[in-house]
Structure formats: C-alpha cells, structure tokens
C-alpha cells in the first residue's frame, strides 16, 4: 500500500529527499507526475486511476504539512527494503495508507511505469 503523512507532521522535510519517486511534496506545493520520473504525455495513475498530462501542475494535497502523492508512492519497492520516508521521520508520521492497499507486484508495476527505461 502507499504511504501517507499524517497531521502529526512537523514539516521538518527529512522525508522529501529520501523518496526515489519524487512522491513527497512540501505543504502547499503543486505536483506533477513528471517530477523525478520518466513519464511524458498523458498518464493514468496506477493507484487512483486519475488521468492527466504528466507535465500539468496538480493542486497541493495538503496546505498544512508535507504530503505523498499516492500515484507516485511505491513504498520504495525496487529501490530499498523499506519505505525511506518512514525510516527517517522523527515523529513517525509516515504510515501505511489503508485507503490504497497494493501488493508488491502492483507496487513493482507502478515503479516500472514511473521509471521506464
């Protein structure tokens, strides 16, 4: 399943540089599918099914604390043994997102779609 950041976030920013998918954004920041990925043109998110232009700006998910874009989160599958955001978070606010449960195979497929060779 994807990871989410809870409202306990203290906005320290420790998680953001650790994400291999560029799925973590600062509170209030717009995001793009193309940020830190090889995605070009139209893309349909593997978790939510949302279709968008990869370079189009999407509204911030949170104005109050850092957030993770579900369609870009792979729990670091294919990169690390555990989610790096959770490993570095000083307040343990990077937790599994029960609303987006995915198998390792689904997470691997999502990773492959984000970083096509």
N, C-alpha and C. Protein backbone atom coordinates (compact mmCIF):
# COMPACT_ATOMS: atom_id res chain seq x y z
N UNK A 1 0.84 -1.18 0.00
CA UNK A 1 0.00 0.00 0.00
C UNK A 1 0.87 1.23 0.00
N UNK A 2 0.34 2.31 -0.45
CA UNK A 2 1.08 3.57 -0.46
C UNK A 2 1.26 4.04 0.99
N UNK A 3 2.14 4.99 1.14
CA UNK A 3 2.39 5.61 2.44
C UNK A 3 1.70 6.97 2.44
N UNK A 4 1.25 7.40 3.60
CA UNK A 4 0.68 8.74 3.74
C UNK A 4 1.38 9.43 4.90
N UNK A 5 1.28 10.74 4.92
CA UNK A 5 1.84 11.53 6.01
C UNK A 5 0.67 12.06 6.82
N UNK A 6 0.70 11.83 8.11
CA UNK A 6 -0.40 12.24 8.98
C UNK A 6 -0.22 13.69 9.45
N UNK A 7 -1.26 14.20 10.05
CA UNK A 7 -1.25 15.59 10.51
C UNK A 7 -0.27 15.84 11.66
N UNK A 8 0.36 14.79 12.17
CA UNK A 8 1.39 14.95 13.20
C UNK A 8 2.70 15.48 12.61
N UNK A 9 2.76 15.59 11.29
CA UNK A 9 3.96 16.07 10.59
C UNK A 9 4.39 17.42 11.15
N UNK A 10 5.69 17.54 11.41
CA UNK A 10 6.24 18.81 11.93
C UNK A 10 6.91 19.63 10.83
N UNK A 11 6.74 19.22 9.58
CA UNK A 11 7.28 19.93 8.42
C UNK A 11 8.79 20.08 8.46
N UNK A 12 9.47 19.04 8.93
CA UNK A 12 10.94 19.09 9.01
C UNK A 12 11.59 18.88 7.65
N UNK A 13 10.90 18.18 6.73
CA UNK A 13 11.43 17.95 5.40
C UNK A 13 12.40 16.80 5.27
N UNK A 14 12.61 16.03 6.32
CA UNK A 14 13.56 14.91 6.26
C UNK A 14 13.17 13.87 5.23
N UNK A 15 11.89 13.68 5.02
CA UNK A 15 11.40 12.64 4.12
C UNK A 15 11.57 12.96 2.64
N UNK A 16 11.40 14.21 2.28
CA UNK A 16 11.34 14.60 0.86
C UNK A 16 12.55 14.14 0.04
N UNK A 17 13.78 14.40 0.46
CA UNK A 17 14.91 13.98 -0.38
C UNK A 17 15.15 12.47 -0.41
N UNK A 18 14.50 11.74 0.47
CA UNK A 18 14.69 10.28 0.54
C UNK A 18 13.84 9.52 -0.47
N UNK A 19 12.83 10.16 -1.04
CA UNK A 19 11.88 9.47 -1.92
C UNK A 19 12.45 9.27 -3.32
N UNK A 20 12.61 8.02 -3.75
CA UNK A 20 13.16 7.76 -5.08
C UNK A 20 12.18 8.07 -6.22
N UNK A 21 10.93 8.31 -5.90
CA UNK A 21 9.91 8.59 -6.91
C UNK A 21 9.49 10.05 -6.96
N UNK A 22 10.10 10.88 -6.12
CA UNK A 22 9.69 12.27 -6.03
C UNK A 22 8.19 12.38 -5.74
N UNK A 23 7.71 11.53 -4.83
CA UNK A 23 6.29 11.49 -4.49
C UNK A 23 5.95 12.38 -3.30
N UNK A 24 6.96 12.93 -2.63
CA UNK A 24 6.73 13.73 -1.42
C UNK A 24 6.92 15.21 -1.75
N UNK A 25 5.95 16.00 -1.32
CA UNK A 25 5.98 17.43 -1.60
C UNK A 25 5.74 18.23 -0.33
N UNK A 26 6.32 19.44 -0.34
CA UNK A 26 6.14 20.36 0.78
C UNK A 26 4.70 20.85 0.81
N UNK A 27 4.21 21.14 1.99
CA UNK A 27 2.85 21.64 2.14
C UNK A 27 2.63 22.84 1.22
N UNK A 28 1.50 22.80 0.52
CA UNK A 28 1.12 23.88 -0.38
C UNK A 28 1.73 23.81 -1.77
N UNK A 29 2.69 22.93 -2.00
CA UNK A 29 3.36 22.85 -3.30
C UNK A 29 2.53 22.06 -4.32
N UNK A 30 2.47 22.58 -5.55
CA UNK A 30 1.86 21.83 -6.64
C UNK A 30 2.76 20.66 -6.99
N UNK A 31 2.19 19.63 -7.62
CA UNK A 31 2.98 18.47 -8.02
C UNK A 31 2.66 18.07 -9.44
N UNK A 32 3.60 17.30 -10.03
CA UNK A 32 3.45 16.81 -11.41
C UNK A 32 3.86 15.34 -11.44
N UNK A 33 3.21 14.57 -12.29
CA UNK A 33 3.63 13.17 -12.47
C UNK A 33 5.07 13.11 -12.99
N UNK A 34 5.46 14.07 -13.79
CA UNK A 34 6.79 14.06 -14.41
C UNK A 34 7.92 14.40 -13.43
N UNK A 35 7.61 14.97 -12.30
CA UNK A 35 8.65 15.32 -11.32
C UNK A 35 9.42 14.07 -10.89
N UNK A 36 10.70 14.00 -11.24
CA UNK A 36 11.55 12.90 -10.81
C UNK A 36 11.25 11.56 -11.42
N UNK A 37 10.48 11.53 -12.52
CA UNK A 37 10.13 10.28 -13.19
C UNK A 37 10.46 10.41 -14.68
N UNK A 38 10.22 9.36 -15.43
CA UNK A 38 10.41 9.42 -16.89
C UNK A 38 9.09 9.58 -17.63
N UNK A 39 8.01 9.84 -16.90
CA UNK A 39 6.68 9.94 -17.50
C UNK A 39 6.59 11.16 -18.42
N UNK A 40 6.03 10.94 -19.60
CA UNK A 40 5.80 12.01 -20.56
C UNK A 40 4.39 11.85 -21.14
N UNK A 41 3.80 12.95 -21.56
CA UNK A 41 2.48 12.89 -22.19
C UNK A 41 1.38 12.56 -21.19
N UNK A 42 0.35 11.90 -21.67
CA UNK A 42 -0.77 11.53 -20.80
C UNK A 42 -0.39 10.32 -19.96
N UNK A 43 -0.82 10.34 -18.71
CA UNK A 43 -0.51 9.25 -17.78
C UNK A 43 -1.73 8.99 -16.92
N UNK A 44 -1.99 7.72 -16.64
CA UNK A 44 -3.08 7.35 -15.75
C UNK A 44 -2.47 6.73 -14.51
N UNK A 45 -2.74 7.31 -13.35
CA UNK A 45 -2.19 6.83 -12.10
C UNK A 45 -2.59 5.40 -11.82
N UNK A 46 -1.64 4.61 -11.36
CA UNK A 46 -1.88 3.18 -11.10
C UNK A 46 -2.69 2.94 -9.83
N UNK A 47 -2.69 3.87 -8.89
CA UNK A 47 -3.43 3.68 -7.64
C UNK A 47 -4.85 4.24 -7.72
N UNK A 48 -4.96 5.44 -8.27
CA UNK A 48 -6.26 6.12 -8.25
C UNK A 48 -6.98 6.08 -9.59
N UNK A 49 -6.26 5.77 -10.68
CA UNK A 49 -6.88 5.76 -11.99
C UNK A 49 -7.08 7.15 -12.57
N UNK A 50 -6.50 8.16 -11.94
CA UNK A 50 -6.64 9.52 -12.40
C UNK A 50 -5.75 9.75 -13.62
N UNK A 51 -6.33 10.29 -14.68
CA UNK A 51 -5.59 10.57 -15.91
C UNK A 51 -5.25 12.05 -15.97
N UNK A 52 -4.02 12.34 -16.43
CA UNK A 52 -3.58 13.73 -16.52
C UNK A 52 -2.38 13.83 -17.44
N UNK A 53 -2.11 15.04 -17.89
CA UNK A 53 -0.87 15.31 -18.61
C UNK A 53 0.25 15.26 -17.58
N UNK A 54 1.30 14.53 -17.87
CA UNK A 54 2.39 14.33 -16.91
C UNK A 54 3.04 15.64 -16.47
N UNK A 55 3.04 16.64 -17.35
CA UNK A 55 3.67 17.92 -17.01
C UNK A 55 2.71 18.95 -16.44
N UNK A 56 1.44 18.60 -16.34
CA UNK A 56 0.45 19.53 -15.81
C UNK A 56 0.58 19.63 -14.28
N UNK A 57 0.47 20.85 -13.79
CA UNK A 57 0.52 21.06 -12.34
C UNK A 57 -0.79 20.60 -11.71
N UNK A 58 -0.66 19.87 -10.61
CA UNK A 58 -1.81 19.42 -9.84
C UNK A 58 -1.82 20.17 -8.52
N UNK A 59 -3.00 20.42 -7.98
CA UNK A 59 -3.06 21.17 -6.72
C UNK A 59 -2.45 20.39 -5.56
N UNK A 60 -1.94 21.12 -4.61
CA UNK A 60 -1.36 20.51 -3.41
C UNK A 60 -2.39 19.64 -2.72
N UNK A 61 -1.94 18.51 -2.19
CA UNK A 61 -2.82 17.61 -1.44
C UNK A 61 -3.04 18.16 -0.03
N UNK A 62 -2.05 18.87 0.50
CA UNK A 62 -2.17 19.45 1.83
C UNK A 62 -1.54 20.84 1.85
N UNK A 63 -2.20 21.75 2.51
CA UNK A 63 -1.66 23.09 2.69
C UNK A 63 -0.97 23.21 4.05
N UNK A 64 -1.14 22.19 4.89
CA UNK A 64 -0.66 22.28 6.27
C UNK A 64 0.61 21.49 6.57
N UNK A 65 0.82 20.38 5.86
CA UNK A 65 2.01 19.56 6.14
C UNK A 65 2.44 18.84 4.87
N UNK A 66 3.67 18.33 4.88
CA UNK A 66 4.17 17.56 3.74
C UNK A 66 3.16 16.48 3.37
N UNK A 67 3.16 16.08 2.10
CA UNK A 67 2.22 15.06 1.67
C UNK A 67 2.87 14.15 0.63
N UNK A 68 2.27 12.97 0.45
CA UNK A 68 2.75 11.99 -0.51
C UNK A 68 1.67 11.80 -1.58
N UNK A 69 2.08 11.86 -2.85
CA UNK A 69 1.17 11.62 -3.96
C UNK A 69 1.02 10.11 -4.11
N UNK A 70 -0.17 9.61 -3.85
CA UNK A 70 -0.45 8.18 -3.85
C UNK A 70 -0.02 7.50 -5.15
N UNK A 71 -0.32 8.13 -6.29
CA UNK A 71 0.00 7.53 -7.58
C UNK A 71 1.50 7.46 -7.86
N UNK A 72 2.32 8.11 -7.05
CA UNK A 72 3.77 8.06 -7.25
C UNK A 72 4.48 7.25 -6.16
N UNK A 73 3.77 6.88 -5.10
CA UNK A 73 4.38 6.15 -3.99
C UNK A 73 4.41 4.65 -4.27
N UNK A 74 5.60 4.08 -4.16
CA UNK A 74 5.77 2.63 -4.35
C UNK A 74 6.29 1.96 -3.08
N UNK A 75 6.24 2.67 -1.96
CA UNK A 75 6.82 2.17 -0.69
C UNK A 75 8.29 1.84 -0.88
N UNK A 76 8.93 2.48 -1.85
CA UNK A 76 10.35 2.27 -2.18
C UNK A 76 10.64 0.89 -2.75
N UNK A 77 9.59 0.15 -3.15
CA UNK A 77 9.78 -1.16 -3.78
C UNK A 77 10.62 -0.96 -5.04
N UNK A 78 11.62 -1.80 -5.20
CA UNK A 78 12.52 -1.70 -6.34
C UNK A 78 13.71 -0.80 -6.08
N UNK A 79 13.71 -0.11 -4.96
CA UNK A 79 14.81 0.78 -4.59
C UNK A 79 15.43 0.41 -3.24
N UNK A 80 14.57 0.20 -2.24
CA UNK A 80 15.03 -0.05 -0.87
C UNK A 80 14.18 -1.16 -0.23
N UNK A 81 14.64 -1.68 0.87
CA UNK A 81 13.93 -2.75 1.58
C UNK A 81 12.73 -2.25 2.37
N UNK A 82 12.70 -0.95 2.69
CA UNK A 82 11.60 -0.36 3.46
C UNK A 82 11.37 1.06 2.99
N UNK A 83 10.18 1.61 3.25
CA UNK A 83 9.92 2.99 2.87
C UNK A 83 10.89 3.94 3.58
N UNK A 84 11.64 4.68 2.81
CA UNK A 84 12.66 5.55 3.38
C UNK A 84 12.08 6.74 4.13
N UNK A 85 10.91 7.21 3.72
CA UNK A 85 10.29 8.33 4.44
C UNK A 85 10.00 7.94 5.89
N UNK A 86 9.46 6.73 6.06
CA UNK A 86 9.15 6.25 7.41
C UNK A 86 10.43 6.02 8.21
N UNK A 87 11.48 5.57 7.54
CA UNK A 87 12.74 5.29 8.23
C UNK A 87 13.39 6.55 8.80
N UNK A 88 13.22 7.69 8.12
CA UNK A 88 13.88 8.92 8.58
C UNK A 88 12.97 9.87 9.35
N UNK A 89 11.69 9.61 9.37
CA UNK A 89 10.74 10.53 10.02
C UNK A 89 10.95 10.57 11.53
N UNK A 90 11.24 11.74 12.10
CA UNK A 90 11.50 11.82 13.53
C UNK A 90 10.25 11.71 14.41
N UNK A 91 9.06 11.85 13.80
CA UNK A 91 7.83 11.77 14.60
C UNK A 91 6.92 10.63 14.15
N UNK A 92 7.43 9.73 13.33
CA UNK A 92 6.69 8.55 12.88
C UNK A 92 5.32 8.88 12.28
N UNK A 93 5.28 9.89 11.41
CA UNK A 93 4.01 10.25 10.80
C UNK A 93 3.87 9.73 9.37
N UNK A 94 4.86 8.99 8.88
CA UNK A 94 4.77 8.35 7.56
C UNK A 94 4.29 6.92 7.81
N UNK A 95 3.02 6.69 7.49
CA UNK A 95 2.37 5.42 7.84
C UNK A 95 1.67 4.83 6.62
N UNK A 96 1.38 3.53 6.65
CA UNK A 96 0.64 2.92 5.53
C UNK A 96 -0.72 3.60 5.32
N UNK A 97 -1.07 3.78 4.07
CA UNK A 97 -2.34 4.39 3.69
C UNK A 97 -3.36 3.27 3.45
N UNK A 98 -4.21 3.02 4.42
CA UNK A 98 -5.19 1.93 4.34
C UNK A 98 -6.17 2.10 3.19
N UNK A 99 -6.30 3.31 2.69
CA UNK A 99 -7.22 3.56 1.58
C UNK A 99 -6.64 3.13 0.24
N UNK A 100 -5.34 2.81 0.21
CA UNK A 100 -4.68 2.42 -1.04
C UNK A 100 -3.78 1.22 -0.80
N UNK A 101 -4.40 0.07 -0.59
CA UNK A 101 -3.68 -1.18 -0.36
C UNK A 101 -3.24 -1.76 -1.70
N UNK A 102 -1.95 -2.07 -1.82
CA UNK A 102 -1.42 -2.62 -3.06
C UNK A 102 -0.46 -3.76 -2.74
N UNK A 103 -0.41 -4.73 -3.63
CA UNK A 103 0.51 -5.85 -3.46
C UNK A 103 1.91 -5.42 -3.90
N UNK A 104 2.89 -6.24 -3.57
CA UNK A 104 4.25 -5.96 -4.02
C UNK A 104 4.32 -5.94 -5.54
N UNK A 105 3.56 -6.83 -6.19
CA UNK A 105 3.53 -6.86 -7.64
C UNK A 105 2.95 -5.56 -8.22
N UNK A 106 1.89 -5.06 -7.60
CA UNK A 106 1.30 -3.81 -8.06
C UNK A 106 2.26 -2.63 -7.85
N UNK A 107 2.95 -2.64 -6.72
CA UNK A 107 3.92 -1.57 -6.43
C UNK A 107 5.08 -1.63 -7.41
N UNK A 108 5.51 -2.84 -7.77
CA UNK A 108 6.59 -3.01 -8.75
C UNK A 108 6.15 -2.50 -10.12
N UNK A 109 4.92 -2.82 -10.51
CA UNK A 109 4.39 -2.34 -11.79
C UNK A 109 4.29 -0.82 -11.79
N UNK A 110 3.90 -0.25 -10.67
CA UNK A 110 3.80 1.21 -10.58
C UNK A 110 5.20 1.82 -10.70
N UNK A 111 6.18 1.24 -10.01
CA UNK A 111 7.56 1.71 -10.09
C UNK A 111 8.04 1.68 -11.54
N UNK A 112 7.77 0.56 -12.23
CA UNK A 112 8.19 0.42 -13.62
C UNK A 112 7.53 1.46 -14.53
N UNK A 113 6.27 1.81 -14.24
CA UNK A 113 5.58 2.81 -15.07
C UNK A 113 6.12 4.21 -14.82
N UNK A 114 6.63 4.45 -13.62
CA UNK A 114 7.18 5.76 -13.28
C UNK A 114 8.60 5.96 -13.83
N UNK A 115 9.31 4.84 -13.98
CA UNK A 115 10.72 4.92 -14.37
C UNK A 115 11.00 3.98 -15.55
N UNK A 116 10.33 4.23 -16.66
CA UNK A 116 10.52 3.40 -17.86
C UNK A 116 11.95 3.57 -18.37
N UNK A 117 12.49 2.50 -18.86
CA UNK A 117 13.88 2.54 -19.36
C UNK A 117 13.97 3.23 -20.69
